[in-house]
C-alpha atoms as a PDB file:
ATOM      1  CA  MET A   1      24.938  60.791  33.584  1.00  0.00           C
ATOM      2  CA  ARG A   2      26.839  63.897  32.602  1.00  0.00           C
ATOM      3  CA  PRO A   3      28.897  64.164  29.369  1.00  0.00           C
ATOM      4  CA  ALA A   4      32.433  64.239  29.718  1.00  0.00           C
ATOM      5  CA  SER A   5      34.248  67.557  29.414  1.00  0.00           C
ATOM      6  CA  PRO A   6      36.535  68.271  26.500  1.00  0.00           C
ATOM      7  CA  ARG A   7      39.457  68.613  28.778  1.00  0.00           C
ATOM      8  CA  ALA A   8      38.746  65.229  30.184  1.00  0.00           C
ATOM      9  CA  LEU A   9      38.812  63.862  26.641  1.00  0.00           C
ATOM     10  CA  GLN A  10      41.885  65.625  25.544  1.00  0.00           C
ATOM     11  CA  GLY A  11      43.773  64.349  28.605  1.00  0.00           C
ATOM     12  CA  ALA A  12      42.770  60.538  28.155  1.00  0.00           C
ATOM     13  CA  ALA A  13      45.865  59.744  26.327  1.00  0.00           C
ATOM     14  CA  THR A  14      49.345  61.578  27.288  1.00  0.00           C
ATOM     15  CA  GLU A  15      51.821  59.208  25.571  1.00  0.00           C
ATOM     16  CA  PRO A  16      53.495  61.294  22.655  1.00  0.00           C
ATOM     17  CA  GLY A  17      52.876  60.298  19.245  1.00  0.00           C
ATOM     18  CA  ARG A  18      49.659  58.355  19.950  1.00  0.00           C
ATOM     19  CA  ALA A  19      46.404  59.076  18.309  1.00  0.00           C
ATOM     20  CA  LEU A  20      43.379  59.273  20.628  1.00  0.00           C
ATOM     21  CA  PRO A  21      40.718  56.816  19.896  1.00  0.00           C
ATOM     22  CA  PRO A  22      37.085  58.110  18.982  1.00  0.00           C
ATOM     23  CA  GLN A  23      35.477  59.039  22.126  1.00  0.00           C
ATOM     24  CA  MET A  24      31.762  58.441  22.713  1.00  0.00           C
ATOM     25  CA  VAL A  25      29.692  60.688  25.069  1.00  0.00           C
ATOM     26  CA  VAL A  26      26.286  59.404  26.173  1.00  0.00           C
ATOM     27  CA  SER A  27      24.018  61.702  28.023  1.00  0.00           C
ATOM     28  CA  ARG A  28      20.443  61.917  29.142  1.00  0.00           C
ATOM     29  CA  ALA A  29      20.554  65.608  28.758  1.00  0.00           C
ATOM     30  CA  ARG A  30      19.096  67.232  25.668  1.00  0.00           C
ATOM     31  CA  GLN A  31      21.389  70.215  25.608  1.00  0.00           C
ATOM     32  CA  GLN A  32      23.623  68.974  22.736  1.00  0.00           C
ATOM     33  CA  PRO A  33      24.808  71.436  20.064  1.00  0.00           C
ATOM     34  CA  ALA A  34      22.969  70.924  16.779  1.00  0.00           C
ATOM     35  CA  MET A  35      25.128  69.496  14.198  1.00  0.00           C
ATOM     36  CA  LEU A  36      22.823  69.105  10.976  1.00  0.00           C
ATOM     37  CA  CYS A  37      19.235  70.165  10.397  1.00  0.00           C
ATOM     38  CA  CYS A  38      18.793  71.194  14.111  1.00  0.00           C
ATOM     39  CA  MET A  39      19.377  67.530  15.086  1.00  0.00           C
ATOM     40  CA  PRO A  40      21.325  67.256  18.305  1.00  0.00           C
ATOM     41  CA  GLY A  41      24.053  64.607  18.700  1.00  0.00           C
ATOM     42  CA  VAL A  42      24.449  62.320  15.730  1.00  0.00           C
ATOM     43  CA  ALA A  43      20.832  61.870  15.050  1.00  0.00           C
ATOM     44  CA  PHE A  44      21.518  63.146  11.516  1.00  0.00           C
ATOM     45  CA  VAL A  45      22.910  59.794  10.479  1.00  0.00           C
ATOM     46  CA  PRO A  46      19.984  57.514  10.826  1.00  0.00           C
ATOM     47  CA  ALA A  47      17.863  60.450   9.605  1.00  0.00           C
ATOM     48  CA  LEU A  48      20.025  60.626   6.359  1.00  0.00           C
ATOM     49  CA  LEU A  49      19.775  56.981   6.013  1.00  0.00           C
ATOM     50  CA  VAL A  50      16.227  56.837   6.169  1.00  0.00           C
ATOM     51  CA  SER A  51      15.553  59.605   3.845  1.00  0.00           C
ATOM     52  CA  TRP A  52      18.254  58.522   1.431  1.00  0.00           C
ATOM     53  CA  SER A  53      17.211  54.840   1.294  1.00  0.00           C
ATOM     54  CA  SER A  54      13.519  55.971   0.840  1.00  0.00           C
ATOM     55  CA  ALA A  55      14.493  58.133  -2.020  1.00  0.00           C
ATOM     56  CA  ALA A  56      16.574  55.449  -3.640  1.00  0.00           C
ATOM     57  CA  PHE A  57      13.532  53.090  -3.858  1.00  0.00           C
ATOM     58  CA  ILE A  58      10.947  55.589  -4.798  1.00  0.00           C
ATOM     59  CA  THR A  59      13.151  57.336  -7.444  1.00  0.00           C
ATOM     60  CA  SER A  60      14.239  54.138  -9.343  1.00  0.00           C
ATOM     61  CA  TYR A  61      10.510  52.962  -9.082  1.00  0.00           C
ATOM     62  CA  VAL A  62       9.113  56.268 -10.623  1.00  0.00           C
ATOM     63  CA  ILE A  63      11.739  56.204 -13.404  1.00  0.00           C
ATOM     64  CA  ALA A  64      11.110  52.597 -14.261  1.00  0.00           C
ATOM     65  CA  VAL A  65       7.380  53.019 -14.383  1.00  0.00           C
ATOM     66  CA  LEU A  66       7.584  56.199 -16.512  1.00  0.00           C
ATOM     67  CA  ALA A  67      10.050  54.570 -18.866  1.00  0.00           C
ATOM     68  CA  GLY A  68       7.595  51.517 -19.145  1.00  0.00           C
ATOM     69  CA  HIS A  69      10.293  49.085 -17.995  1.00  0.00           C
ATOM     70  CA  VAL A  70       8.097  47.681 -15.196  1.00  0.00           C
ATOM     71  CA  GLU A  71       4.286  47.533 -14.366  1.00  0.00           C
ATOM     72  CA  PRO A  72       3.105  50.018 -11.940  1.00  0.00           C
ATOM     73  CA  LEU A  73       1.508  47.465  -9.595  1.00  0.00           C
ATOM     74  CA  VAL A  74       4.131  46.396  -7.020  1.00  0.00           C
ATOM     75  CA  PRO A  75       7.264  45.179  -9.233  1.00  0.00           C
ATOM     76  CA  TYR A  76       9.975  43.567  -7.377  1.00  0.00           C
ATOM     77  CA  ILE A  77      12.574  46.183  -5.987  1.00  0.00           C
ATOM     78  CA  SER A  78      15.391  44.872  -8.253  1.00  0.00           C
ATOM     79  CA  ASP A  79      13.081  45.007 -11.353  1.00  0.00           C
ATOM     80  CA  THR A  80      13.066  48.904 -10.827  1.00  0.00           C
ATOM     81  CA  GLY A  81      16.647  49.121 -11.077  1.00  0.00           C
ATOM     82  CA  THR A  82      17.450  46.845 -14.000  1.00  0.00           C
ATOM     83  CA  LYS A  83      17.489  48.736 -17.151  1.00  0.00           C
ATOM     84  CA  PRO A  84      19.051  52.220 -17.750  1.00  0.00           C
ATOM     85  CA  PRO A  85      18.725  54.922 -16.757  1.00  0.00           C
ATOM     86  CA  GLU A  86      17.183  53.707 -13.578  1.00  0.00           C
ATOM     87  CA  SER A  87      19.960  51.080 -13.091  1.00  0.00           C
ATOM     88  CA  GLY A  88      22.547  53.596 -12.683  1.00  0.00           C
ATOM     89  CA  ILE A  89      20.592  55.438 -10.084  1.00  0.00           C
ATOM     90  CA  PHE A  90      19.586  52.415  -8.288  1.00  0.00           C
ATOM     91  CA  GLY A  91      23.132  51.168  -8.039  1.00  0.00           C
ATOM     92  CA  PHE A  92      24.638  54.566  -6.962  1.00  0.00           C
ATOM     93  CA  MET A  93      21.963  55.285  -4.233  1.00  0.00           C
ATOM     94  CA  ILE A  94      21.855  51.836  -2.933  1.00  0.00           C
ATOM     95  CA  ASN A  95      25.544  51.756  -2.439  1.00  0.00           C
ATOM     96  CA  ILE A  96      25.378  54.933  -0.550  1.00  0.00           C
ATOM     97  CA  SER A  97      22.470  53.471   1.666  1.00  0.00           C
ATOM     98  CA  ALA A  98      24.746  50.563   2.406  1.00  0.00           C
ATOM     99  CA  LEU A  99      27.590  52.832   3.368  1.00  0.00           C
ATOM    100  CA  LEU A 100      25.165  54.945   5.688  1.00  0.00           C
ATOM    101  CA  GLY A 101      23.886  51.501   7.217  1.00  0.00           C
ATOM    102  CA  VAL A 102      27.598  50.594   8.046  1.00  0.00           C
ATOM    103  CA  ILE A 103      27.973  54.027   9.796  1.00  0.00           C
ATOM    104  CA  THR A 104      24.693  53.811  11.557  1.00  0.00           C
ATOM    105  CA  MET A 105      25.283  50.294  12.821  1.00  0.00           C
ATOM    106  CA  CYS A 106      28.654  51.161  14.065  1.00  0.00           C
ATOM    107  CA  ILE A 107      27.430  54.161  16.111  1.00  0.00           C
ATOM    108  CA  ARG A 108      24.684  51.909  17.486  1.00  0.00           C
ATOM    109  CA  TYR A 109      27.322  49.330  18.526  1.00  0.00           C
ATOM    110  CA  LEU A 110      29.385  51.900  20.260  1.00  0.00           C
ATOM    111  CA  LEU A 111      26.348  53.423  21.953  1.00  0.00           C
ATOM    112  CA  ILE A 112      25.306  49.941  23.318  1.00  0.00           C
ATOM    113  CA  GLU A 113      28.834  49.409  24.612  1.00  0.00           C
ATOM    114  CA  LYS A 114      28.930  52.677  26.355  1.00  0.00           C
ATOM    115  CA  GLN A 115      25.453  52.046  27.990  1.00  0.00           C
ATOM    116  CA  ASN A 116      26.431  48.587  28.937  1.00  0.00           C
ATOM    117  CA  GLU A 117      29.396  49.895  30.997  1.00  0.00           C
ATOM    118  CA  SER A 118      27.148  51.181  33.677  1.00  0.00           C
ATOM    119  CA  SER A 119      24.127  48.951  33.148  1.00  0.00           C
ATOM    120  CA  HIS A 120      25.358  45.600  32.293  1.00  0.00           C
ATOM    121  CA  PHE A 121      22.195  44.543  30.588  1.00  0.00           C
ATOM    122  CA  ILE A 122      23.644  42.208  27.785  1.00  0.00           C
ATOM    123  CA  ARG A 123      26.932  40.598  27.126  1.00  0.00           C
ATOM    124  CA  SER A 124      29.481  42.202  24.768  1.00  0.00           C
ATOM    125  CA  SER A 125      29.548  39.288  22.658  1.00  0.00           C
ATOM    126  CA  CYS A 126      25.912  39.727  21.843  1.00  0.00           C
ATOM    127  CA  ASN A 127      26.540  43.191  20.623  1.00  0.00           C
ATOM    128  CA  VAL A 128      29.362  42.294  18.662  1.00  0.00           C
ATOM    129  CA  PHE A 129      27.367  39.393  16.933  1.00  0.00           C
ATOM    130  CA  SER A 130      24.479  41.868  16.169  1.00  0.00           C
ATOM    131  CA  LEU A 131      27.046  44.218  14.410  1.00  0.00           C
ATOM    132  CA  CYS A 132      28.539  41.373  12.391  1.00  0.00           C
ATOM    133  CA  ILE A 133      25.172  40.313  11.347  1.00  0.00           C
ATOM    134  CA  GLY A 134      24.107  43.953  10.440  1.00  0.00           C
ATOM    135  CA  LEU A 135      27.443  44.493   8.522  1.00  0.00           C
ATOM    136  CA  MET A 136      26.598  41.182   6.504  1.00  0.00           C
ATOM    137  CA  GLY A 137      23.416  42.749   5.366  1.00  0.00           C
ATOM    138  CA  CYS A 138      25.092  45.968   4.219  1.00  0.00           C
ATOM    139  CA  THR A 139      27.523  43.806   2.125  1.00  0.00           C
ATOM    140  CA  GLY A 140      24.475  42.136   0.694  1.00  0.00           C
ATOM    141  CA  MET A 141      23.058  45.407  -0.175  1.00  0.00           C
ATOM    142  CA  GLY A 142      26.216  46.451  -2.000  1.00  0.00           C
ATOM    143  CA  ILE A 143      26.267  43.285  -3.972  1.00  0.00           C
ATOM    144  CA  VAL A 144      22.686  43.869  -5.176  1.00  0.00           C
ATOM    145  CA  ALA A 145      23.620  47.433  -6.232  1.00  0.00           C
ATOM    146  CA  THR A 146      26.843  46.310  -8.016  1.00  0.00           C
ATOM    147  CA  PHE A 147      25.780  43.058  -9.549  1.00  0.00           C
ATOM    148  CA  GLN A 148      22.360  43.955 -11.031  1.00  0.00           C
ATOM    149  CA  GLU A 149      19.711  41.531 -11.913  1.00  0.00           C
ATOM    150  CA  LEU A 150      20.209  41.089 -15.724  1.00  0.00           C
ATOM    151  CA  SER A 151      23.978  41.274 -15.481  1.00  0.00           C
ATOM    152  CA  VAL A 152      24.901  38.688 -13.046  1.00  0.00           C
ATOM    153  CA  PRO A 153      21.532  37.172 -11.653  1.00  0.00           C
ATOM    154  CA  SER A 154      23.117  34.388  -9.494  1.00  0.00           C
ATOM    155  CA  VAL A 155      25.346  36.791  -7.612  1.00  0.00           C
ATOM    156  CA  HIS A 156      22.520  39.554  -7.438  1.00  0.00           C
ATOM    157  CA  ASP A 157      20.305  36.904  -5.859  1.00  0.00           C
ATOM    158  CA  ILE A 158      22.717  35.694  -3.377  1.00  0.00           C
ATOM    159  CA  GLY A 159      23.391  39.494  -2.316  1.00  0.00           C
ATOM    160  CA  ALA A 160      19.518  39.949  -2.119  1.00  0.00           C
ATOM    161  CA  LEU A 161      19.240  36.815   0.260  1.00  0.00           C
ATOM    162  CA  VAL A 162      22.004  38.033   2.303  1.00  0.00           C
ATOM    163  CA  ALA A 163      20.706  41.539   2.473  1.00  0.00           C
ATOM    164  CA  PHE A 164      17.095  40.665   3.471  1.00  0.00           C
ATOM    165  CA  GLY A 165      18.137  37.608   5.643  1.00  0.00           C
ATOM    166  CA  SER A 166      20.743  39.466   7.627  1.00  0.00           C
ATOM    167  CA  GLY A 167      18.605  42.659   8.013  1.00  0.00           C
ATOM    168  CA  VAL A 168      15.715  40.682   9.425  1.00  0.00           C
ATOM    169  CA  VAL A 169      18.009  39.059  11.888  1.00  0.00           C
ATOM    170  CA  TYR A 170      19.861  42.291  12.850  1.00  0.00           C
ATOM    171  CA  ILE A 171      16.638  44.206  13.602  1.00  0.00           C
ATOM    172  CA  THR A 172      15.127  41.251  15.652  1.00  0.00           C
ATOM    173  CA  LEU A 173      18.426  41.120  17.676  1.00  0.00           C
ATOM    174  CA  GLN A 174      18.401  45.068  18.219  1.00  0.00           C
ATOM    175  CA  SER A 175      14.662  44.816  19.273  1.00  0.00           C
ATOM    176  CA  ILE A 176      15.720  42.234  21.947  1.00  0.00           C
ATOM    177  CA  ILE A 177      18.670  44.478  23.041  1.00  0.00           C
ATOM    178  CA  SER A 178      16.148  47.448  23.511  1.00  0.00           C
ATOM    179  CA  TYR A 179      14.092  45.308  25.711  1.00  0.00           C
ATOM    180  CA  LYS A 180      16.980  44.438  27.881  1.00  0.00           C
ATOM    181  CA  SER A 181      18.025  47.981  28.168  1.00  0.00           C
ATOM    182  CA  CYS A 182      14.472  49.145  29.489  1.00  0.00           C
ATOM    183  CA  PRO A 183      13.564  51.327  31.250  1.00  0.00           C
ATOM    184  CA  GLN A 184      16.978  53.086  31.587  1.00  0.00           C
ATOM    185  CA  TRP A 185      17.843  53.548  27.971  1.00  0.00           C
ATOM    186  CA  ASN A 186      14.767  52.955  26.254  1.00  0.00           C
ATOM    187  CA  THR A 187      10.946  53.296  26.728  1.00  0.00           C
ATOM    188  CA  TYR A 188       8.701  50.350  26.458  1.00  0.00           C
ATOM    189  CA  LEU A 189       6.733  51.951  23.585  1.00  0.00           C
ATOM    190  CA  VAL A 190       9.802  52.364  21.515  1.00  0.00           C
ATOM    191  CA  CYS A 191      10.658  48.639  22.169  1.00  0.00           C
ATOM    192  CA  HIS A 192       7.095  47.480  21.205  1.00  0.00           C
ATOM    193  CA  ILE A 193       7.361  49.357  18.014  1.00  0.00           C
ATOM    194  CA  ARG A 194      10.731  47.909  16.956  1.00  0.00           C
ATOM    195  CA  MET A 195       9.596  44.319  17.941  1.00  0.00           C
ATOM    196  CA  ALA A 196       6.299  45.001  15.875  1.00  0.00           C
ATOM    197  CA  ILE A 197       8.457  45.965  12.929  1.00  0.00           C
ATOM    198  CA  SER A 198      10.636  42.986  13.409  1.00  0.00           C
ATOM    199  CA  VAL A 199       7.742  40.415  13.443  1.00  0.00           C
ATOM    200  CA  ILE A 200       6.237  41.955  10.549  1.00  0.00           C
ATOM    201  CA  SER A 201       9.420  41.969   8.675  1.00  0.00           C
ATOM    202  CA  CYS A 202      10.107  38.176   9.733  1.00  0.00           C
ATOM    203  CA  ILE A 203       6.811  37.220   8.532  1.00  0.00           C
ATOM    204  CA  ALA A 204       7.082  39.151   5.090  1.00  0.00           C
ATOM    205  CA  PHE A 205      10.358  37.504   4.613  1.00  0.00           C
ATOM    206  CA  ILE A 206       8.816  34.046   4.555  1.00  0.00           C
ATOM    207  CA  PRO A 207       7.468  34.315   0.776  1.00  0.00           C
ATOM    208  CA  ILE A 208      10.622  36.129  -0.318  1.00  0.00           C
ATOM    209  CA  PHE A 209      12.988  33.351   0.600  1.00  0.00           C
ATOM    210  CA  PRO A 210      11.730  30.675  -1.827  1.00  0.00           C
ATOM    211  CA  VAL A 211      11.390  33.219  -4.673  1.00  0.00           C
ATOM    212  CA  ILE A 212      15.079  34.283  -4.349  1.00  0.00           C
ATOM    213  CA  VAL A 213      16.297  30.799  -4.067  1.00  0.00           C
ATOM    214  CA  PHE A 214      14.218  29.639  -7.140  1.00  0.00           C
ATOM    215  CA  ALA A 215      15.579  32.754  -9.091  1.00  0.00           C
ATOM    216  CA  SER A 216      19.217  31.954  -8.340  1.00  0.00           C
ATOM    217  CA  LYS A 217      18.710  28.346  -9.925  1.00  0.00           C
ATOM    218  CA  ILE A 218      17.208  29.494 -13.217  1.00  0.00           C
ATOM    219  CA  SER A 219      19.155  31.272 -16.074  1.00  0.00           C
ATOM    220  CA  VAL A 220      16.151  33.535 -17.161  1.00  0.00           C
ATOM    221  CA  THR A 221      15.031  36.382 -15.142  1.00  0.00           C
ATOM    222  CA  LYS A 222      11.517  37.482 -15.567  1.00  0.00           C
ATOM    223  CA  ILE A 223      10.697  41.156 -15.278  1.00  0.00           C
ATOM    224  CA  ASP A 224       7.393  41.602 -17.447  1.00  0.00           C
ATOM    225  CA  TRP A 225       4.380  40.062 -15.581  1.00  0.00           C
ATOM    226  CA  THR A 226       0.646  40.103 -16.886  1.00  0.00           C
ATOM    227  CA  PRO A 227      -2.382  39.309 -14.577  1.00  0.00           C
ATOM    228  CA  ASP A 228      -3.352  36.154 -16.669  1.00  0.00           C
ATOM    229  CA  GLU A 229      -0.062  34.335 -15.976  1.00  0.00           C
ATOM    230  CA  LYS A 230      -0.346  31.284 -13.701  1.00  0.00           C
ATOM    231  CA  ASP A 231       2.022  32.581 -11.036  1.00  0.00           C
ATOM    232  CA  TYR A 232       0.930  36.263 -11.242  1.00  0.00           C
ATOM    233  CA  THR A 233      -0.770  36.096  -7.738  1.00  0.00           C
ATOM    234  CA  TYR A 234       2.323  34.812  -5.970  1.00  0.00           C
ATOM    235  CA  HIS A 235       4.483  37.328  -7.811  1.00  0.00           C
ATOM    236  CA  VAL A 236       2.234  40.047  -6.410  1.00  0.00           C
ATOM    237  CA  VAL A 237       2.378  38.646  -2.947  1.00  0.00           C
ATOM    238  CA  SER A 238       6.072  38.097  -2.909  1.00  0.00           C
ATOM    239  CA  ALA A 239       6.481  41.519  -4.305  1.00  0.00           C
ATOM    240  CA  VAL A 240       4.492  43.110  -1.632  1.00  0.00           C
ATOM    241  CA  CYS A 241       6.546  41.268   1.097  1.00  0.00           C
ATOM    242  CA  GLU A 242       9.592  42.420  -0.520  1.00  0.00           C
ATOM    243  CA  TRP A 243       8.496  46.154  -0.153  1.00  0.00           C
ATOM    244  CA  THR A 244       7.272  45.498   3.188  1.00  0.00           C
ATOM    245  CA  VAL A 245      10.544  44.198   4.344  1.00  0.00           C
ATOM    246  CA  ALA A 246      12.517  47.045   2.753  1.00  0.00           C
ATOM    247  CA  PHE A 247      10.585  49.748   4.325  1.00  0.00           C
ATOM    248  CA  GLY A 248      10.448  47.757   7.525  1.00  0.00           C
ATOM    249  CA  PHE A 249      14.126  48.360   7.706  1.00  0.00           C
ATOM    250  CA  VAL A 250      13.606  52.056   7.012  1.00  0.00           C
ATOM    251  CA  PHE A 251      11.181  52.313   9.652  1.00  0.00           C
ATOM    252  CA  PHE A 252      13.270  50.491  12.291  1.00  0.00           C
ATOM    253  CA  PHE A 253      16.209  52.803  11.577  1.00  0.00           C
ATOM    254  CA  LEU A 254      13.812  55.640  12.049  1.00  0.00           C
ATOM    255  CA  THR A 255      13.582  54.702  15.670  1.00  0.00           C
ATOM    256  CA  PHE A 256      17.228  55.161  16.181  1.00  0.00           C
ATOM    257  CA  ILE A 257      17.017  58.886  15.735  1.00  0.00           C
ATOM    258  CA  ARG A 258      15.952  59.517  19.424  1.00  0.00           C
ATOM    259  CA  ASP A 259      18.570  57.298  20.627  1.00  0.00           C
ATOM    260  CA  PHE A 260      21.361  59.069  18.740  1.00  0.00           C
ATOM    261  CA  GLN A 261      20.371  62.421  19.851  1.00  0.00           C
ATOM    262  CA  ARG A 262      22.018  61.615  23.195  1.00  0.00           C
ATOM    263  CA  VAL A 263      25.350  60.688  21.540  1.00  0.00           C
ATOM    264  CA  SER A 264      28.438  62.819  20.645  1.00  0.00           C
ATOM    265  CA  LEU A 265      31.457  61.517  18.911  1.00  0.00           C
ATOM    266  CA  ARG A 266      34.756  63.152  19.188  1.00  0.00           C
ATOM    267  CA  ILE A 267      38.120  62.161  17.350  1.00  0.00           C
ATOM    268  CA  SER A 268      41.294  63.592  18.632  1.00  0.00           C
ATOM    269  CA  THR A 269      44.602  63.208  16.693  1.00  0.00           C
ATOM    270  CA  GLU A 270      48.099  64.192  17.977  1.00  0.00           C
ATOM    271  CA  ILE A 271      50.913  64.507  15.433  1.00  0.00           C
ATOM    272  CA  HIS A 272      54.590  64.697  16.785  1.00  0.00           C
ATOM    273  CA  GLU A 273      57.654  65.417  14.718  1.00  0.00           C
ATOM    274  CA  ASP A 274      60.286  62.614  14.994  1.00  0.00           C
ATOM    275  CA  SER A 275      63.017  63.702  17.359  1.00  0.00           C
END
């Protein structure tokens, strides 16, 4: 498939006063101009999402440990962004990650729609449903970042449940869609990797769910844990699972980089003076 020429895109709308909608060009060729960090197409978007989200988790964790606010051994992610100064950094960076997630998912939706025009491998409603689930997850991330654990614990826990639950469903749906698009738009190796990440994330989400539900029903949020406590083992297991799911999302979006290298987005706007 050859990318459309700029003239063809500019001539797509000829009515005066109309702004042309965003145009997506999908190509198998790798002769796209570099846009950022020598990455062709819009591959920089998932790359930025992955790097920024990883930095958000690691930065807040390091600051919280150095300040003595949490124990170094696998605290809950939210515990690393509860007290200042790491709380401000955590909230700011996670909100940016949620925004980057929305942009990435929207581009992924447009990419699948464009590929589906010629291949017809899924129903359009499935693609829309997957996008809606993903946007719900990003909204949950925003809630987690804005309503922090010690401030409004019930709202924070609901946001975490939405973020993790919707995220797991989203990557599972995207894995299925990837298999549907094989072998024309994806390799089976990429599909296997995505499905493996989805399965691991789904399994790791199982211990997280009761923890979040239970935490939302109590008024006291526990941050400091010691090995001699009765529920310490379950705390460690659930915390490990939480980190596993979080970085499962990160590694899943990492697999989008190759797909996004074949994508170009162009926005054309025409402004006419009133006659």
